[in-house]
C-alpha atoms as a PDB file:
ATOM      1  CA  MET A   1    -101.944 -97.846-107.964  1.00  0.00           C
ATOM      2  CA  THR A   2    -100.428 -94.652-109.369  1.00  0.00           C
ATOM      3  CA  GLY A   3    -100.899 -93.735-113.024  1.00  0.00           C
ATOM      4  CA  PRO A   4     -98.256 -92.250-115.343  1.00  0.00           C
ATOM      5  CA  HIS A   5     -99.249 -88.674-114.559  1.00  0.00           C
ATOM      6  CA  GLY A   6     -99.692 -89.076-110.807  1.00  0.00           C
ATOM      7  CA  GLY A   7    -102.967 -89.875-109.144  1.00  0.00           C
ATOM      8  CA  SER A   8    -104.668 -93.235-109.162  1.00  0.00           C
ATOM      9  CA  THR A   9    -105.279 -95.273-112.292  1.00  0.00           C
ATOM     10  CA  GLU A  10    -108.992 -94.563-111.796  1.00  0.00           C
ATOM     11  CA  GLU A  11    -108.358 -90.817-111.684  1.00  0.00           C
ATOM     12  CA  ASN A  12    -106.351 -91.066-114.879  1.00  0.00           C
ATOM     13  CA  MET A  13    -109.338 -92.665-116.642  1.00  0.00           C
ATOM     14  CA  LEU A  14    -111.293 -89.449-116.180  1.00  0.00           C
ATOM     15  CA  SER A  15    -112.171 -87.218-119.079  1.00  0.00           C
ATOM     16  CA  ARG A  16    -110.122 -84.026-118.880  1.00  0.00           C
ATOM     17  CA  SER A  17    -111.760 -82.778-122.068  1.00  0.00           C
ATOM     18  CA  PRO A  18    -114.189 -84.298-124.587  1.00  0.00           C
ATOM     19  CA  THR A  19    -111.343 -85.030-127.010  1.00  0.00           C
ATOM     20  CA  ALA A  20    -109.087 -86.484-124.312  1.00  0.00           C
ATOM     21  CA  GLY A  21    -111.919 -88.627-122.984  1.00  0.00           C
ATOM     22  CA  ALA A  22    -112.815 -89.884-126.445  1.00  0.00           C
ATOM     23  CA  THR A  23    -109.201 -90.659-127.238  1.00  0.00           C
ATOM     24  CA  LEU A  24    -108.631 -92.426-123.920  1.00  0.00           C
ATOM     25  CA  VAL A  25    -111.675 -94.649-124.074  1.00  0.00           C
ATOM     26  CA  ALA A  26    -111.268 -95.369-127.785  1.00  0.00           C
ATOM     27  CA  THR A  27    -107.715 -96.452-127.082  1.00  0.00           C
ATOM     28  CA  VAL A  28    -108.733 -98.564-124.115  1.00  0.00           C
ATOM     29  CA  CYS A  29    -111.633-100.154-125.979  1.00  0.00           C
ATOM     30  CA  GLY A  30    -109.729-100.676-129.192  1.00  0.00           C
ATOM     31  CA  ILE A  31    -106.483-101.987-127.770  1.00  0.00           C
ATOM     32  CA  ALA A  32    -107.109-103.409-124.318  1.00  0.00           C
ATOM     33  CA  LEU A  33    -110.081-105.409-125.475  1.00  0.00           C
ATOM     34  CA  VAL A  34    -108.069-107.110-128.169  1.00  0.00           C
ATOM     35  CA  ALA A  35    -105.341-107.976-125.676  1.00  0.00           C
ATOM     36  CA  GLN A  36    -107.706-109.009-122.906  1.00  0.00           C
ATOM     37  CA  VAL A  37    -106.572-111.031-119.935  1.00  0.00           C
ATOM     38  CA  GLN A  38    -108.671-114.190-119.744  1.00  0.00           C
ATOM     39  CA  ALA A  39    -108.768-114.543-115.936  1.00  0.00           C
ATOM     40  CA  GLY A  40    -111.951-112.528-115.414  1.00  0.00           C
ATOM     41  CA  ALA A  41    -113.320-112.140-118.925  1.00  0.00           C
ATOM     42  CA  ASP A  42    -116.124-114.570-118.177  1.00  0.00           C
ATOM     43  CA  ASN A  43    -117.482-111.995-115.698  1.00  0.00           C
ATOM     44  CA  VAL A  44    -118.596-109.840-118.630  1.00  0.00           C
ATOM     45  CA  ALA A  45    -121.874-110.951-120.190  1.00  0.00           C
ATOM     46  CA  PHE A  46    -122.998-109.518-123.512  1.00  0.00           C
ATOM     47  CA  PRO A  47    -124.570-106.132-122.626  1.00  0.00           C
ATOM     48  CA  GLU A  48    -127.882-106.531-124.504  1.00  0.00           C
ATOM     49  CA  ASN A  49    -128.999-102.962-123.715  1.00  0.00           C
ATOM     50  CA  TYR A  50    -125.855-101.217-124.992  1.00  0.00           C
ATOM     51  CA  ALA A  51    -127.750 -99.425-127.811  1.00  0.00           C
ATOM     52  CA  LYS A  52    -130.027 -97.755-125.223  1.00  0.00           C
ATOM     53  CA  GLY A  53    -126.921 -95.972-123.966  1.00  0.00           C
ATOM     54  CA  VAL A  54    -125.156 -93.051-125.586  1.00  0.00           C
ATOM     55  CA  LYS A  55    -123.424 -93.466-128.951  1.00  0.00           C
ATOM     56  CA  TRP A  56    -120.685 -90.959-128.329  1.00  0.00           C
ATOM     57  CA  LEU A  57    -118.123 -91.710-131.008  1.00  0.00           C
ATOM     58  CA  VAL A  58    -117.949 -93.210-134.497  1.00  0.00           C
ATOM     59  CA  VAL A  59    -114.514 -94.031-135.901  1.00  0.00           C
ATOM     60  CA  ASP A  60    -113.922 -94.638-139.617  1.00  0.00           C
ATOM     61  CA  LYS A  61    -111.066 -97.108-140.041  1.00  0.00           C
ATOM     62  CA  ALA A  62    -110.367 -96.982-143.777  1.00  0.00           C
ATOM     63  CA  ASP A  63    -107.142 -98.985-143.378  1.00  0.00           C
ATOM     64  CA  THR A  64    -109.038-102.009-142.008  1.00  0.00           C
ATOM     65  CA  LYS A  65    -112.253-101.216-143.933  1.00  0.00           C
ATOM     66  CA  GLN A  66    -114.260-100.975-140.721  1.00  0.00           C
ATOM     67  CA  VAL A  67    -116.526 -98.554-138.882  1.00  0.00           C
ATOM     68  CA  HIS A  68    -116.446 -98.632-135.080  1.00  0.00           C
ATOM     69  CA  GLU A  69    -119.352 -97.243-133.044  1.00  0.00           C
ATOM     70  CA  LEU A  70    -118.673 -96.588-129.357  1.00  0.00           C
ATOM     71  CA  PHE A  71    -121.493 -96.678-126.826  1.00  0.00           C
ATOM     72  CA  ALA A  72    -121.447 -95.897-123.105  1.00  0.00           C
ATOM     73  CA  THR A  73    -123.925 -96.036-120.280  1.00  0.00           C
ATOM     74  CA  PRO A  74    -125.547 -92.641-119.629  1.00  0.00           C
ATOM     75  CA  GLU A  75    -124.100 -92.638-116.100  1.00  0.00           C
ATOM     76  CA  ALA A  76    -120.582 -92.924-117.549  1.00  0.00           C
ATOM     77  CA  ILE A  77    -121.146 -89.970-119.853  1.00  0.00           C
ATOM     78  CA  ALA A  78    -122.535 -87.937-116.934  1.00  0.00           C
ATOM     79  CA  ALA A  79    -119.550 -88.836-114.723  1.00  0.00           C
ATOM     80  CA  ALA A  80    -117.060 -87.941-117.479  1.00  0.00           C
ATOM     81  CA  GLY A  81    -118.805 -84.584-117.956  1.00  0.00           C
ATOM     82  CA  LYS A  82    -118.334 -83.855-114.248  1.00  0.00           C
ATOM     83  CA  ASP A  83    -114.710 -85.093-114.243  1.00  0.00           C
ATOM     84  CA  GLN A  84    -115.644 -87.917-111.844  1.00  0.00           C
ATOM     85  CA  PRO A  85    -114.580 -91.588-111.761  1.00  0.00           C
ATOM     86  CA  MET A  86    -116.646 -94.005-113.805  1.00  0.00           C
ATOM     87  CA  PRO A  87    -119.404 -95.457-111.597  1.00  0.00           C
ATOM     88  CA  ASN A  88    -119.853 -99.128-110.742  1.00  0.00           C
ATOM     89  CA  GLY A  89    -121.771-100.791-113.578  1.00  0.00           C
ATOM     90  CA  THR A  90    -120.261 -98.653-116.327  1.00  0.00           C
ATOM     91  CA  VAL A  91    -120.189-100.395-119.702  1.00  0.00           C
ATOM     92  CA  PHE A  92    -118.345 -99.239-122.808  1.00  0.00           C
ATOM     93  CA  MET A  93    -119.147-101.107-126.008  1.00  0.00           C
ATOM     94  CA  VAL A  94    -117.402-101.011-129.371  1.00  0.00           C
ATOM     95  CA  VAL A  95    -119.532-102.303-132.232  1.00  0.00           C
ATOM     96  CA  ARG A  96    -117.286-103.251-135.132  1.00  0.00           C
ATOM     97  CA  HIS A  97    -118.891-103.038-138.587  1.00  0.00           C
ATOM     98  CA  ALA A  98    -117.452-103.918-141.971  1.00  0.00           C
ATOM     99  CA  ALA A  99    -117.434-100.866-144.222  1.00  0.00           C
ATOM    100  CA  GLN A 100    -119.466-101.202-147.397  1.00  0.00           C
ATOM    101  CA  LEU A 101    -117.138-101.646-150.375  1.00  0.00           C
ATOM    102  CA  ASP A 102    -117.356-100.538-153.997  1.00  0.00           C
ATOM    103  CA  ALA A 103    -116.649-102.817-156.990  1.00  0.00           C
ATOM    104  CA  GLN A 104    -112.903-102.207-156.590  1.00  0.00           C
ATOM    105  CA  GLY A 105    -112.961-103.191-152.903  1.00  0.00           C
ATOM    106  CA  ASN A 106    -112.586 -99.648-151.591  1.00  0.00           C
ATOM    107  CA  PRO A 107    -114.686 -98.376-148.685  1.00  0.00           C
ATOM    108  CA  VAL A 108    -117.798 -96.456-149.766  1.00  0.00           C
ATOM    109  CA  LYS A 109    -118.342 -92.971-148.316  1.00  0.00           C
ATOM    110  CA  GLY A 110    -121.758 -91.456-147.715  1.00  0.00           C
ATOM    111  CA  ALA A 111    -122.876 -87.912-148.526  1.00  0.00           C
ATOM    112  CA  ASP A 112    -121.468 -86.853-145.138  1.00  0.00           C
ATOM    113  CA  GLY A 113    -117.978 -88.062-146.111  1.00  0.00           C
ATOM    114  CA  ARG A 114    -118.039 -90.885-143.559  1.00  0.00           C
ATOM    115  CA  LEU A 115    -117.607 -94.573-144.321  1.00  0.00           C
ATOM    116  CA  VAL A 116    -120.905 -96.400-144.830  1.00  0.00           C
ATOM    117  CA  LYS A 117    -121.250 -99.188-142.283  1.00  0.00           C
ATOM    118  CA  GLY A 118    -122.191-102.702-143.298  1.00  0.00           C
ATOM    119  CA  GLU A 119    -122.628-105.933-141.384  1.00  0.00           C
ATOM    120  CA  VAL A 120    -121.602-106.284-137.742  1.00  0.00           C
ATOM    121  CA  LEU A 121    -118.258-108.066-137.403  1.00  0.00           C
ATOM    122  CA  GLY A 122    -118.159-108.264-133.622  1.00  0.00           C
ATOM    123  CA  PHE A 123    -118.274-106.426-130.326  1.00  0.00           C
ATOM    124  CA  ASN A 124    -115.789-105.443-127.613  1.00  0.00           C
ATOM    125  CA  ALA A 125    -117.098-104.751-124.120  1.00  0.00           C
ATOM    126  CA  MET A 126    -115.437-103.077-121.158  1.00  0.00           C
ATOM    127  CA  GLU A 127    -117.284-103.208-117.825  1.00  0.00           C
ATOM    128  CA  LYS A 128    -116.558-101.933-114.324  1.00  0.00           C
ATOM    129  CA  ARG A 129    -117.787-103.664-111.173  1.00  0.00           C
ATOM    130  CA  ASN A 130    -116.726-103.348-107.551  1.00  0.00           C
ATOM    131  CA  GLY A 131    -113.976-105.841-106.731  1.00  0.00           C
ATOM    132  CA  TRP A 132    -113.260-106.893-110.309  1.00  0.00           C
ATOM    133  CA  GLY A 133    -109.623-107.203-111.254  1.00  0.00           C
ATOM    134  CA  SER A 134    -108.375-108.108-107.784  1.00  0.00           C
ATOM    135  CA  GLU A 135    -106.925-111.392-109.085  1.00  0.00           C
ATOM    136  CA  TYR A 136    -104.466-109.551-111.354  1.00  0.00           C
ATOM    137  CA  PRO A 137    -100.998-108.382-110.338  1.00  0.00           C
ATOM    138  CA  ASP A 138    -100.593-104.605-110.128  1.00  0.00           C
ATOM    139  CA  THR A 139     -98.623-104.605-113.369  1.00  0.00           C
ATOM    140  CA  LEU A 140    -101.682-105.909-115.268  1.00  0.00           C
ATOM    141  CA  ARG A 141    -104.563-104.530-113.226  1.00  0.00           C
ATOM    142  CA  ASN A 142    -106.618-101.735-114.717  1.00  0.00           C
ATOM    143  CA  GLY A 143    -108.733-100.716-111.762  1.00  0.00           C
ATOM    144  CA  GLU A 144    -111.958-102.710-111.501  1.00  0.00           C
ATOM    145  CA  TRP A 145    -112.418-103.223-115.244  1.00  0.00           C
ATOM    146  CA  GLU A 146    -112.889-106.449-117.188  1.00  0.00           C
ATOM    147  CA  TYR A 147    -112.947-106.880-120.950  1.00  0.00           C
ATOM    148  CA  ARG A 148    -114.528-109.340-123.344  1.00  0.00           C
ATOM    149  CA  ALA A 149    -114.765-109.715-127.090  1.00  0.00           C
ATOM    150  CA  PHE A 150    -117.916-111.089-128.707  1.00  0.00           C
ATOM    151  CA  MET A 151    -118.556-112.399-132.193  1.00  0.00           C
ATOM    152  CA  ALA A 152    -121.275-110.966-134.451  1.00  0.00           C
ATOM    153  CA  ASP A 153    -123.757-113.522-133.045  1.00  0.00           C
ATOM    154  CA  LYS A 154    -123.064-112.080-129.543  1.00  0.00           C
ATOM    155  CA  LYS A 155    -121.344-115.228-128.318  1.00  0.00           C
ATOM    156  CA  PRO A 156    -117.987-114.786-126.536  1.00  0.00           C
ATOM    157  CA  ASN A 157    -114.994-114.810-128.858  1.00  0.00           C
ATOM    158  CA  GLU A 158    -112.715-117.208-126.992  1.00  0.00           C
ATOM    159  CA  SER A 159    -109.994-116.971-129.650  1.00  0.00           C
ATOM    160  CA  VAL A 160    -109.069-113.408-128.689  1.00  0.00           C
END
């Protein structure tokens, strides 16, 4: 399948620069996971070892009073650094935290100017495996990626 800028969809998921890579994956994790297609979501189990990966981005979301932490498998970070496709087994995880609030209900900022994270609200996972996604039409397929949302207790969020 050809992406919007030529090349395959997989090639277009490569990191052309650290900022471009961060923006691309944050967009994919933040949007595609919310609008997941249910056909293969049950393929994605909760990735218990996500925190042993690389925390490569933290996003303060003052408008929704949340802090999102993005983790990736070390192999994914290495592949992105070499401008290579994401390897089989790549997992991206978004951990969604409530921001701590002051007495007026405004997000609290730490000494570093960043929002202070509070309780975990949920998780969004994106995983790549050989052959995944083949049941989708080309108009919906995103390479060999599947997506799943999880609640704070790590159980699948079937309402998404």
